[in-house]
Protein backbone atom coordinates (compact mmCIF):
# COMPACT_ATOMS: atom_id res chain seq x y z
CA UNK A 1 -13.61 -20.17 35.42
CA UNK A 2 -17.35 -18.75 34.97
CA UNK A 3 -16.20 -15.73 34.22
CA UNK A 4 -13.74 -17.11 31.08
CA UNK A 5 -17.14 -18.86 29.92
CA UNK A 6 -19.12 -16.49 29.62
CA UNK A 7 -15.89 -14.26 27.71
CA UNK A 8 -15.61 -16.98 25.42
CA UNK A 9 -19.47 -16.44 25.29
CA UNK A 10 -18.84 -13.00 24.40
CA UNK A 11 -16.12 -13.80 21.70
CA UNK A 12 -18.24 -15.91 19.88
CA UNK A 13 -21.27 -13.19 19.83
CA UNK A 14 -18.81 -10.81 18.80
CA UNK A 15 -17.86 -12.84 15.89
CA UNK A 16 -21.49 -13.50 15.13
CA UNK A 17 -22.03 -10.14 15.14
CA UNK A 18 -19.41 -9.63 12.60
CA UNK A 19 -20.58 -12.34 10.30
CA UNK A 20 -23.26 -10.89 9.79
CA UNK A 21 -21.81 -7.75 9.18
CA UNK A 22 -19.79 -8.69 6.36
CA UNK A 23 -22.60 -10.71 5.27
CA UNK A 24 -24.95 -7.65 4.93
CA UNK A 25 -21.83 -5.71 3.12
CA UNK A 26 -20.72 -7.85 0.53
CA UNK A 27 -24.63 -8.70 -0.34
CA UNK A 28 -24.93 -4.72 -0.60
CA UNK A 29 -21.88 -4.34 -2.40
CA UNK A 30 -23.33 -6.88 -5.26
CA UNK A 31 -26.27 -5.03 -5.25
CA UNK A 32 -24.33 -1.92 -5.44
CA UNK A 33 -22.04 -3.63 -8.63
CA UNK A 34 -25.44 -4.17 -10.80
CA UNK A 35 -26.95 -0.40 -9.78
CA UNK A 36 -23.24 1.14 -10.96
CA UNK A 37 -23.22 -0.97 -13.94
CA UNK A 38 -26.54 -0.64 -15.20
CA UNK A 39 -28.19 1.98 -13.11
CA UNK A 40 -25.47 4.92 -13.03
CA UNK A 41 -23.92 3.10 -16.47
CA UNK A 42 -20.38 5.11 -16.16
CA UNK A 43 -19.56 2.56 -19.44
CA UNK A 44 -22.29 2.65 -21.49
CA UNK A 45 -25.13 -0.19 -21.89
CA UNK A 46 -24.36 -2.01 -25.37
CA UNK A 47 -26.24 -5.43 -25.01
CA UNK A 48 -29.66 -4.82 -23.07
CA UNK A 49 -30.63 -4.33 -19.14
CA UNK A 50 -30.66 -7.62 -17.59
CA UNK A 51 -33.44 -8.34 -14.52
CA UNK A 52 -31.95 -7.04 -11.18
CA UNK A 53 -34.06 -10.59 -9.99
CA UNK A 54 -31.44 -12.63 -11.58
CA UNK A 55 -28.62 -10.52 -9.67
CA UNK A 56 -30.49 -10.45 -6.45
CA UNK A 57 -31.24 -14.20 -6.43
CA UNK A 58 -27.31 -14.59 -5.94
CA UNK A 59 -27.53 -12.52 -2.60
CA UNK A 60 -27.91 -16.20 -0.32
CA UNK A 61 -24.62 -17.76 -1.98
CA UNK A 62 -22.69 -14.71 -1.31
CA UNK A 63 -23.13 -14.14 2.21
CA UNK A 64 -22.59 -17.77 2.98
CA UNK A 65 -19.61 -17.95 0.66
CA UNK A 66 -18.22 -15.22 2.21
CA UNK A 67 -18.56 -15.96 5.63
CA UNK A 68 -17.19 -19.24 4.94
CA UNK A 69 -14.17 -18.45 3.54
CA UNK A 70 -13.85 -15.56 5.90
CA UNK A 71 -13.83 -17.62 8.83
CA UNK A 72 -11.99 -20.74 7.33
CA UNK A 73 -9.21 -17.89 6.51
CA UNK A 74 -9.60 -16.92 10.49
CA UNK A 75 -10.23 -13.99 9.90
CA UNK A 76 -12.82 -13.56 12.67
CA UNK A 77 -10.33 -14.27 15.32
CA UNK A 78 -9.40 -11.97 17.84
CA UNK A 79 -6.57 -9.99 16.53
CA UNK A 80 -5.96 -7.13 19.81
CA UNK A 81 -2.51 -7.29 18.86
CA UNK A 82 -2.32 -7.58 15.28
CA UNK A 83 -1.75 -4.21 13.57
CA UNK A 84 -4.55 -2.68 11.54
CA UNK A 85 -2.37 -2.97 8.42
CA UNK A 86 -2.13 -6.97 8.90
CA UNK A 87 -5.42 -7.10 9.08
CA UNK A 88 -6.44 -5.29 6.18
CA UNK A 89 -4.38 -7.34 4.18
CA UNK A 90 -5.78 -10.38 5.71
CA UNK A 91 -9.34 -9.41 4.84
CA UNK A 92 -8.44 -8.61 1.41
CA UNK A 93 -6.92 -11.97 0.68
CA UNK A 94 -9.51 -13.21 1.92
CA UNK A 95 -12.03 -11.57 -0.20
CA UNK A 96 -9.94 -12.16 -3.12
CA UNK A 97 -10.18 -15.86 -2.39
CA UNK A 98 -13.92 -15.99 -2.09
CA UNK A 99 -14.18 -13.80 -5.36
CA UNK A 100 -12.10 -16.31 -7.26
CA UNK A 101 -15.05 -19.41 -5.97
CA UNK A 102 -17.76 -16.68 -6.83
CA UNK A 103 -16.73 -16.20 -10.26
CA UNK A 104 -15.80 -20.03 -10.84
CA UNK A 105 -19.20 -21.00 -9.26
CA UNK A 106 -21.17 -18.01 -11.65
CA UNK A 107 -19.27 -19.02 -14.73
CA UNK A 108 -20.36 -22.77 -14.39
CA UNK A 109 -24.09 -21.38 -14.97
CA UNK A 110 -25.58 -22.55 -18.12
CA UNK A 111 -28.95 -20.80 -17.25
CA UNK A 112 -27.53 -17.04 -16.96
CA UNK A 113 -24.17 -15.19 -17.76
CA UNK A 114 -23.36 -12.64 -15.46
CA UNK A 115 -21.61 -9.17 -16.49
CA UNK A 116 -17.84 -9.19 -16.43
CA UNK A 117 -18.10 -5.52 -15.49
CA UNK A 118 -20.43 -6.26 -12.45
CA UNK A 119 -17.83 -8.41 -11.30
CA UNK A 120 -15.06 -6.11 -11.98
CA UNK A 121 -17.25 -3.48 -9.66
CA UNK A 122 -18.11 -5.56 -7.16
CA UNK A 123 -14.37 -6.25 -6.32
CA UNK A 124 -13.62 -3.07 -5.91
CA UNK A 125 -16.72 -2.11 -4.19
CA UNK A 126 -16.93 -5.60 -1.81
CA UNK A 127 -12.98 -4.70 -0.73
CA UNK A 128 -13.49 -0.97 0.18
CA UNK A 129 -16.52 -1.71 1.93
CA UNK A 130 -15.07 -4.71 3.87
CA UNK A 131 -12.41 -3.24 4.81
CA UNK A 132 -13.97 0.38 5.90
CA UNK A 133 -16.82 -1.22 7.93
CA UNK A 134 -14.40 -3.60 9.76
CA UNK A 135 -12.09 -0.50 10.53
CA UNK A 136 -15.28 1.07 12.11
CA UNK A 137 -16.33 -1.65 14.22
CA UNK A 138 -12.90 -2.15 15.50
CA UNK A 139 -12.55 1.45 16.51
CA UNK A 140 -15.84 1.03 17.85
CA UNK A 141 -14.77 -1.75 19.93
CA UNK A 142 -11.48 0.13 20.83
CA UNK A 143 -13.12 2.91 22.29
CA UNK A 144 -15.16 0.84 24.46
CA UNK A 145 -11.89 -1.05 25.68
CA UNK A 146 -10.30 2.41 26.51
CA UNK A 147 -13.05 2.85 28.88
CA UNK A 148 -13.33 -0.43 30.60
CA UNK A 149 -15.63 -2.70 28.45
CA UNK A 150 -15.15 -5.94 26.49
CA UNK A 151 -11.47 -6.15 28.77
CA UNK A 152 -9.34 -9.41 28.56
CA UNK A 153 -7.08 -9.71 32.16
CA UNK A 154 -3.25 -10.83 32.12
CA UNK A 155 -1.17 -12.34 34.05
CA UNK A 156 2.47 -11.39 32.90
CA UNK A 157 5.21 -14.21 33.65
CA UNK A 158 9.14 -13.18 34.03
CA UNK A 159 11.30 -9.85 34.34
CA UNK A 160 13.86 -8.74 32.59
CA UNK A 161 13.58 -5.56 29.43
CA UNK A 162 11.28 -7.85 27.17
CA UNK A 163 8.58 -8.02 30.12
CA UNK A 164 9.16 -4.23 31.16
CA UNK A 165 9.06 -3.20 27.22
CA UNK A 166 5.46 -5.10 26.80
CA UNK A 167 4.32 -3.70 30.01
CA UNK A 168 4.91 -0.28 28.83
CA UNK A 169 3.02 -0.80 25.72
CA UNK A 170 -0.11 -2.75 27.13
CA UNK A 171 -0.46 0.41 29.49
CA UNK A 172 0.25 3.00 26.26
CA UNK A 173 -2.81 0.96 24.07
CA UNK A 174 -5.82 0.52 26.66
CA UNK A 175 -7.61 0.28 23.45
CA UNK A 176 -6.37 -3.26 22.94
CA UNK A 177 -8.43 -4.23 26.25
CA UNK A 178 -5.38 -6.11 27.72
CA UNK A 179 -5.24 -5.34 31.24
CA UNK A 180 -2.27 -6.66 33.76
CA UNK A 181 -3.81 -8.13 36.57
CA UNK A 182 -0.15 -8.67 38.13
CA UNK A 183 3.06 -10.30 37.27
CA UNK A 184 4.82 -13.61 38.55
CA UNK A 185 9.00 -13.37 38.79
CA UNK A 186 11.00 -16.73 39.19
CA UNK A 187 11.38 -15.61 43.27
CA UNK A 188 8.61 -13.05 43.77
CA UNK A 189 10.74 -11.11 45.43
CA UNK A 190 9.82 -7.53 44.25
CA UNK A 191 7.40 -5.84 44.80
CA UNK A 192 6.19 -3.59 41.52
CA UNK A 193 7.34 -3.98 37.76
CA UNK A 194 6.59 -0.68 35.57
CA UNK A 195 3.82 -0.26 38.05
CA UNK A 196 2.33 -3.94 38.12
CA UNK A 197 1.87 -5.26 41.60
CA UNK A 198 3.97 -8.83 41.68
CA UNK A 199 1.49 -11.36 43.13
CA UNK A 200 4.20 -14.66 43.61
CA UNK A 201 6.63 -16.71 41.99
CA UNK A 202 6.65 -19.06 39.29
CA UNK A 203 5.74 -21.50 41.60
CA UNK A 204 2.11 -19.97 42.10
CA UNK A 205 1.21 -19.44 38.67
CA UNK A 206 -1.43 -22.20 38.83
CA UNK A 207 -2.96 -20.48 41.92
CA UNK A 208 -2.32 -16.60 40.41
CA UNK A 209 -4.86 -17.55 37.10
CA UNK A 210 -7.40 -18.58 39.76
CA UNK A 211 -7.18 -15.62 41.74
CA UNK A 212 -6.90 -13.31 38.83
CA UNK A 213 -9.65 -14.95 36.81
CA UNK A 214 -6.72 -14.55 33.89
CA UNK A 215 -7.88 -14.68 30.35
CA UNK A 216 -4.52 -14.66 29.11
CA UNK A 217 -0.73 -15.70 30.26
CA UNK A 218 2.45 -13.14 29.27
CA UNK A 219 5.34 -15.22 29.19
CA UNK A 220 8.56 -12.82 29.02
CA UNK A 221 11.98 -14.40 30.17
CA UNK A 222 15.66 -12.98 30.74
CA UNK A 223 18.41 -15.40 29.04
CA UNK A 224 19.56 -16.22 32.62
CA UNK A 225 15.92 -17.63 33.24
CA UNK A 226 15.57 -19.38 29.60
CA UNK A 227 15.62 -22.61 31.37
CA UNK A 228 12.22 -22.22 32.75
CA UNK A 229 10.36 -22.28 29.80
CA UNK A 230 9.86 -26.11 29.63
CA UNK A 231 8.47 -25.91 33.42
CA UNK A 232 5.98 -23.16 33.07
CA UNK A 233 4.66 -24.60 30.17
CA UNK A 234 4.32 -27.57 31.90
CA UNK A 235 2.37 -25.73 35.13
CA UNK A 236 -0.10 -23.97 31.78
CA UNK A 237 -0.46 -27.30 29.59
CA UNK A 238 -3.97 -28.07 31.18
CA UNK A 239 -5.06 -24.37 30.71
CA UNK A 240 -7.58 -23.53 27.93
CA UNK A 241 -6.47 -19.84 28.28
CA UNK A 242 -4.27 -18.00 25.83
CA UNK A 243 -0.62 -18.17 26.13
CA UNK A 244 1.65 -15.39 24.47
CA UNK A 245 5.66 -15.61 24.57
CA UNK A 246 7.88 -12.51 23.69
CA UNK A 247 11.47 -13.97 22.96
CA UNK A 248 14.01 -11.54 24.36
CA UNK A 249 15.74 -9.96 21.39
CA UNK A 250 14.61 -6.19 22.46
CA UNK A 251 18.60 -5.61 22.94
CA UNK A 252 19.60 -6.58 19.06
CA UNK A 253 16.77 -5.12 17.70
CA UNK A 254 17.43 -2.01 15.60
CA UNK A 255 15.62 -1.62 12.92
CA UNK A 256 12.74 -3.43 13.91
CA UNK A 257 11.70 -7.25 13.62
CA UNK A 258 8.61 -9.65 12.34
CA UNK A 259 7.76 -13.17 13.59
CA UNK A 260 6.91 -15.37 9.92
CA UNK A 261 5.85 -18.86 9.88
CA UNK A 262 7.87 -21.53 8.38
CA UNK A 263 6.32 -24.75 7.75
CA UNK A 264 5.12 -24.39 11.40
CA UNK A 265 8.35 -23.13 13.05
CA UNK A 266 8.35 -19.43 14.07
CA UNK A 267 11.17 -17.30 12.80
CA UNK A 268 12.05 -14.09 14.64
CA UNK A 269 13.77 -11.83 11.66
CA UNK A 270 15.51 -8.93 13.30
CA UNK A 271 16.54 -5.69 11.63
CA UNK A 272 14.87 -6.58 8.28
CA UNK A 273 14.31 -3.79 6.06
CA UNK A 274 10.69 -2.14 5.69
CA UNK A 275 10.49 -1.77 1.93
CA UNK A 276 9.32 -4.81 0.46
CA UNK A 277 6.19 -5.97 -1.31
CA UNK A 278 4.04 -2.89 -2.85
CA UNK A 279 5.73 -0.61 -1.06
CA UNK A 280 9.49 -1.43 -2.86
CA UNK A 281 7.68 -1.75 -5.98
CA UNK A 282 6.39 1.93 -5.67
CA UNK A 283 9.20 3.18 -4.55
CA UNK A 284 11.75 1.72 -7.59
CA UNK A 285 8.70 2.88 -10.00
CA UNK A 286 8.82 6.29 -8.54
CA UNK A 287 12.43 6.33 -8.64
CA UNK A 288 12.86 5.23 -12.38
CA UNK A 289 9.73 7.93 -13.77
CA UNK A 290 11.40 10.62 -12.23
CA UNK A 291 15.19 10.15 -12.81
CA UNK A 292 14.11 9.44 -16.58
CA UNK A 293 11.92 12.95 -16.94
CA UNK A 294 14.87 14.65 -14.66
CA UNK A 295 17.15 13.53 -16.82
CA UNK A 296 15.08 14.36 -20.06
CA UNK A 297 14.06 17.90 -18.81
CA UNK A 298 17.47 18.81 -17.16
CA UNK A 299 19.50 17.84 -20.56
CA UNK A 300 20.13 21.30 -21.45
CA UNK A 301 21.45 22.14 -18.16
CA UNK A 302 23.58 18.96 -17.77
CA UNK A 303 25.60 19.74 -21.29
CA UNK A 304 25.60 23.42 -19.96
CA UNK A 305 27.31 22.17 -16.78
CA UNK A 306 29.53 19.93 -18.53
CA UNK A 307 31.03 22.37 -21.26
CA UNK A 308 31.66 24.47 -18.18
CA UNK A 309 33.43 22.16 -16.27
CA UNK A 310 35.60 21.33 -19.29
CA UNK A 311 35.99 25.15 -20.25
CA UNK A 312 37.43 26.08 -16.80
CA UNK A 313 39.58 22.94 -15.83
CA UNK A 314 41.56 20.10 -17.07
CA UNK A 315 40.55 16.63 -17.15
CA UNK A 316 37.16 14.90 -17.57
CA UNK A 317 33.59 16.49 -17.42
CA UNK A 318 32.02 13.42 -14.87
CA UNK A 319 34.17 12.01 -11.98
CA UNK A 320 33.02 8.03 -11.00
CA UNK A 321 33.88 7.13 -7.39
CA UNK A 322 33.03 4.25 -6.03
CA UNK A 323 30.53 3.96 -3.36
CA UNK A 324 28.93 1.21 -1.32
CA UNK A 325 25.61 0.71 -1.72
CA UNK A 326 22.40 -1.60 -1.01
CA UNK A 327 23.86 -5.09 0.94
CA UNK A 328 27.04 -3.62 1.00
CA UNK A 329 27.79 -3.56 -3.00
CA UNK A 330 30.06 -1.13 -4.49
CA UNK A 331 29.13 1.29 -7.54
CA UNK A 332 30.49 3.88 -9.18
CA UNK A 333 28.19 6.85 -8.46
CA UNK A 334 28.21 9.69 -10.67
CA UNK A 335 29.21 13.69 -10.43
CA UNK A 336 30.50 16.24 -11.91
CA UNK A 337 34.20 17.01 -11.46
CA UNK A 338 34.72 19.64 -9.14
CA UNK A 339 38.29 19.13 -8.21
CA UNK A 340 41.11 19.28 -9.45
CA UNK A 341 42.03 15.72 -11.29
CA UNK A 342 44.74 15.15 -9.00
CA UNK A 343 43.20 16.40 -5.52
CA UNK A 344 44.00 12.89 -4.03
CA UNK A 345 47.39 12.17 -5.68
CA UNK A 346 48.99 12.95 -2.55
CA UNK A 347 46.42 12.81 0.27
CA UNK A 348 44.64 9.46 -0.90
CA UNK A 349 41.18 9.45 0.02
CA UNK A 350 39.88 12.26 2.14
CA UNK A 351 36.52 14.39 3.20
CA UNK A 352 35.64 17.64 1.67
CA UNK A 353 36.58 20.10 4.00
CA UNK A 354 35.13 24.37 3.98
CA UNK A 355 37.54 26.27 1.63
CA UNK A 356 38.68 23.30 0.29
CA UNK A 357 42.11 24.28 -2.32
CA UNK A 358 41.35 21.05 -4.26
CA UNK A 359 38.38 22.84 -5.58
CA UNK A 360 38.20 24.76 -9.03
CA UNK A 361 36.49 28.02 -8.95
CA UNK A 362 33.45 26.71 -10.96
CA UNK A 363 33.66 23.55 -8.70
CA UNK A 364 33.07 25.72 -5.60
CA UNK A 365 29.56 27.15 -7.28
CA UNK A 366 28.56 23.84 -8.42
CA UNK A 367 29.29 22.31 -4.73
CA UNK A 368 27.99 24.98 -3.01
CA UNK A 369 24.95 24.57 -5.42
CA UNK A 370 24.69 20.84 -5.24
CA UNK A 371 24.27 20.65 -8.62
CA UNK A 372 27.63 18.22 -9.29
CA UNK A 373 25.00 15.68 -7.77
CA UNK A 374 22.64 15.64 -10.71
CA UNK A 375 24.52 12.93 -12.61
CA UNK A 376 23.19 10.80 -9.91
CA UNK A 377 19.92 10.35 -11.59
CA UNK A 378 21.52 7.80 -13.85
CA UNK A 379 22.88 5.80 -10.99
CA UNK A 380 19.03 6.25 -9.92
CA UNK A 381 18.00 5.10 -13.56
CA UNK A 382 20.61 2.12 -13.25
CA UNK A 383 19.27 0.75 -9.77
CA UNK A 384 22.22 1.84 -8.17
CA UNK A 385 20.80 4.50 -6.23
CA UNK A 386 17.30 5.68 -4.70
CA UNK A 387 16.52 9.53 -4.95
CA UNK A 388 15.86 9.16 -1.07
CA UNK A 389 17.97 6.79 1.33
CA UNK A 390 21.33 7.13 2.90
CA UNK A 391 23.82 8.91 1.12
CA UNK A 392 26.23 6.09 0.39
CA UNK A 393 30.13 6.53 1.32
CA UNK A 394 33.52 5.47 0.15
CA UNK A 395 34.21 1.93 1.26
CA UNK A 396 37.62 3.22 2.45
CA UNK A 397 35.51 5.25 5.39
CA UNK A 398 32.84 2.39 5.72
CA UNK A 399 35.48 0.18 6.97
CA UNK A 400 36.72 2.33 9.60
CA UNK A 401 33.12 3.66 10.49
CA UNK A 402 31.74 0.15 10.81
CA UNK A 403 34.56 -0.32 14.13
CA UNK A 404 33.52 3.06 15.10
CA UNK A 405 29.79 3.67 14.94
CA UNK A 406 27.30 1.35 16.63
CA UNK A 407 25.00 0.16 14.09
CA UNK A 408 26.57 1.50 10.85
CA UNK A 409 26.03 -1.11 8.72
CA UNK A 410 22.64 -1.14 8.92
CA UNK A 411 22.16 1.81 6.63
CA UNK A 412 23.38 -0.39 3.69
CA UNK A 413 19.82 -2.31 4.42
CA UNK A 414 17.99 0.04 1.41
CA UNK A 415 19.02 1.25 -1.34
CA UNK A 416 21.81 4.85 -1.26
CA UNK A 417 20.13 7.83 -2.24
CA UNK A 418 20.35 11.33 -3.42
CA UNK A 419 18.91 12.91 -0.73
CA UNK A 420 18.02 11.95 2.47
CA UNK A 421 16.39 12.69 6.52
CA UNK A 422 20.18 13.74 7.56
CA UNK A 423 20.53 15.67 4.65
CA UNK A 424 17.47 17.56 4.87
CA UNK A 425 17.92 17.60 8.74
CA UNK A 426 21.42 19.64 7.77
CA UNK A 427 23.21 16.65 8.65
CA UNK A 428 25.67 16.81 5.18
CA UNK A 429 29.26 17.41 4.97
CA UNK A 430 31.82 17.27 8.35
CA UNK A 431 28.89 17.01 10.53
CA UNK A 432 28.30 14.43 13.10
CA UNK A 433 28.23 10.81 12.12
CA UNK A 434 26.77 9.90 14.90
CA UNK A 435 23.94 12.23 14.09
CA UNK A 436 23.63 11.19 10.73
CA UNK A 437 23.68 7.80 11.24
CA UNK A 438 20.74 8.08 13.85
CA UNK A 439 18.72 10.09 10.77
CA UNK A 440 19.10 7.32 8.97
CA UNK A 441 18.06 4.75 10.76
CA UNK A 442 14.89 6.83 11.62
CA UNK A 443 14.56 6.77 8.36
CA UNK A 444 14.56 3.25 7.55
CA UNK A 445 12.56 1.95 10.39
CA UNK A 446 9.90 5.01 9.70
CA UNK A 447 9.99 4.31 5.89
CA UNK A 448 6.91 5.37 3.96
CA UNK A 449 5.87 6.15 0.41
CA UNK A 450 4.98 9.32 1.98
CA UNK A 451 8.07 10.03 3.92
CA UNK A 452 10.09 9.92 0.64
CA UNK A 453 7.64 12.84 -1.10
CA UNK A 454 7.87 14.86 2.35
CA UNK A 455 12.03 14.46 1.90
CA UNK A 456 11.83 14.76 -1.92
CA UNK A 457 9.68 18.38 -1.38
CA UNK A 458 11.92 19.61 1.54
CA UNK A 459 15.16 18.96 -0.91
CA UNK A 460 13.71 20.96 -3.78
CA UNK A 461 12.49 23.36 -0.73
CA UNK A 462 15.49 24.00 1.14
CA UNK A 463 17.91 20.87 0.62
CA UNK A 464 20.43 22.26 -2.25
CA UNK A 465 21.41 24.87 -1.05
CA UNK A 466 22.60 24.54 2.84
CA UNK A 467 26.27 26.01 5.22
CA UNK A 468 27.50 22.49 4.83
CA UNK A 469 27.66 21.84 1.32
CA UNK A 470 31.36 22.15 0.64
């Protein structure tokens, strides 16, 4: 227990260091904002130069206000298992709240009116500086933890895939500073789990906490032992250490999962697409901009292709085919017609194949060069599709594939695309559906704006003409 008290004191010391650093950073950002506005002056000063002392006098208020708001918003609590992205969001949120309070306080000042440009510079410089210094400090602490300093010892309780997954991940990330001292299982019979010694059974948990001097308890039980939760929590009710519970949803998760707080009730969301918030907005804005520019720049080529389609075969220029897109909704996907008008009158819906005799002469060229797909820029502009995403399939095939291929319908968690990760890796045409679905799910799990740009560049480089394009 002495060790635990010492650790708590150490954590408090680290918290005070973080507060002091943040106070110095935010005050420095405020003074730097004055310097940028009135000394560097990228925008000409027209109303005179105010006294530096009038701005410097606010330093104590800024330091106290930011430390108070960041403390209130729990920025200084231990976030060892929180991703850097979430930590940055938390800091920026707190910085924004403190900034609003600061503006409100200075607005009611009757003695002096502060420059709005200084406030703007302060908002930007302060945000960048707070995030940068926080990440530097976190990396320093991670480096120390990886070398065996500032560690927290964990007693793992349970067994099964969820616990094994956590033990493997804790071993993979030593910079978190979480070291598993041992494991307690239901009967204590197993000797090792993922290289960690089994020290006893659930009945021994209280004794194991003292013998291992654990700072945290990690509980991960299989469904067959879920009734043991109440018993374990009852054993731990008088302990002051941290308790983490890992829900056993591992076997249900394909795309990923996230825990959210619903009015105090934790809710686990599984297989949720990562395209949300600013990322989704950025992706959609890019789709609109590039598809609109593409339609304008390619207009002469589109007219020429349309004229050649009309001149070389009977039937319409464009072919609208029902496809399944986002959330399983159907839409009409546009293509230049590359086959005879009666191509499926006898066979019904079938996949195109190599040396397909239903193709027109010019249609063979269009499909080989993927130029028949260009009208889908209109689908992108309208919001039915995206530039990048899983290729949409016809509903008649979807209903068949969803029964044959595990997780097939998860492809529809995002907008269908003109091109995608599967296409640039050669999985197009009459190729393995399983590999194509693997590529689509990899894309959704690992989506980022940068990945979209990479796929677009690779599509321009090698995606239009391919041996499987027929």
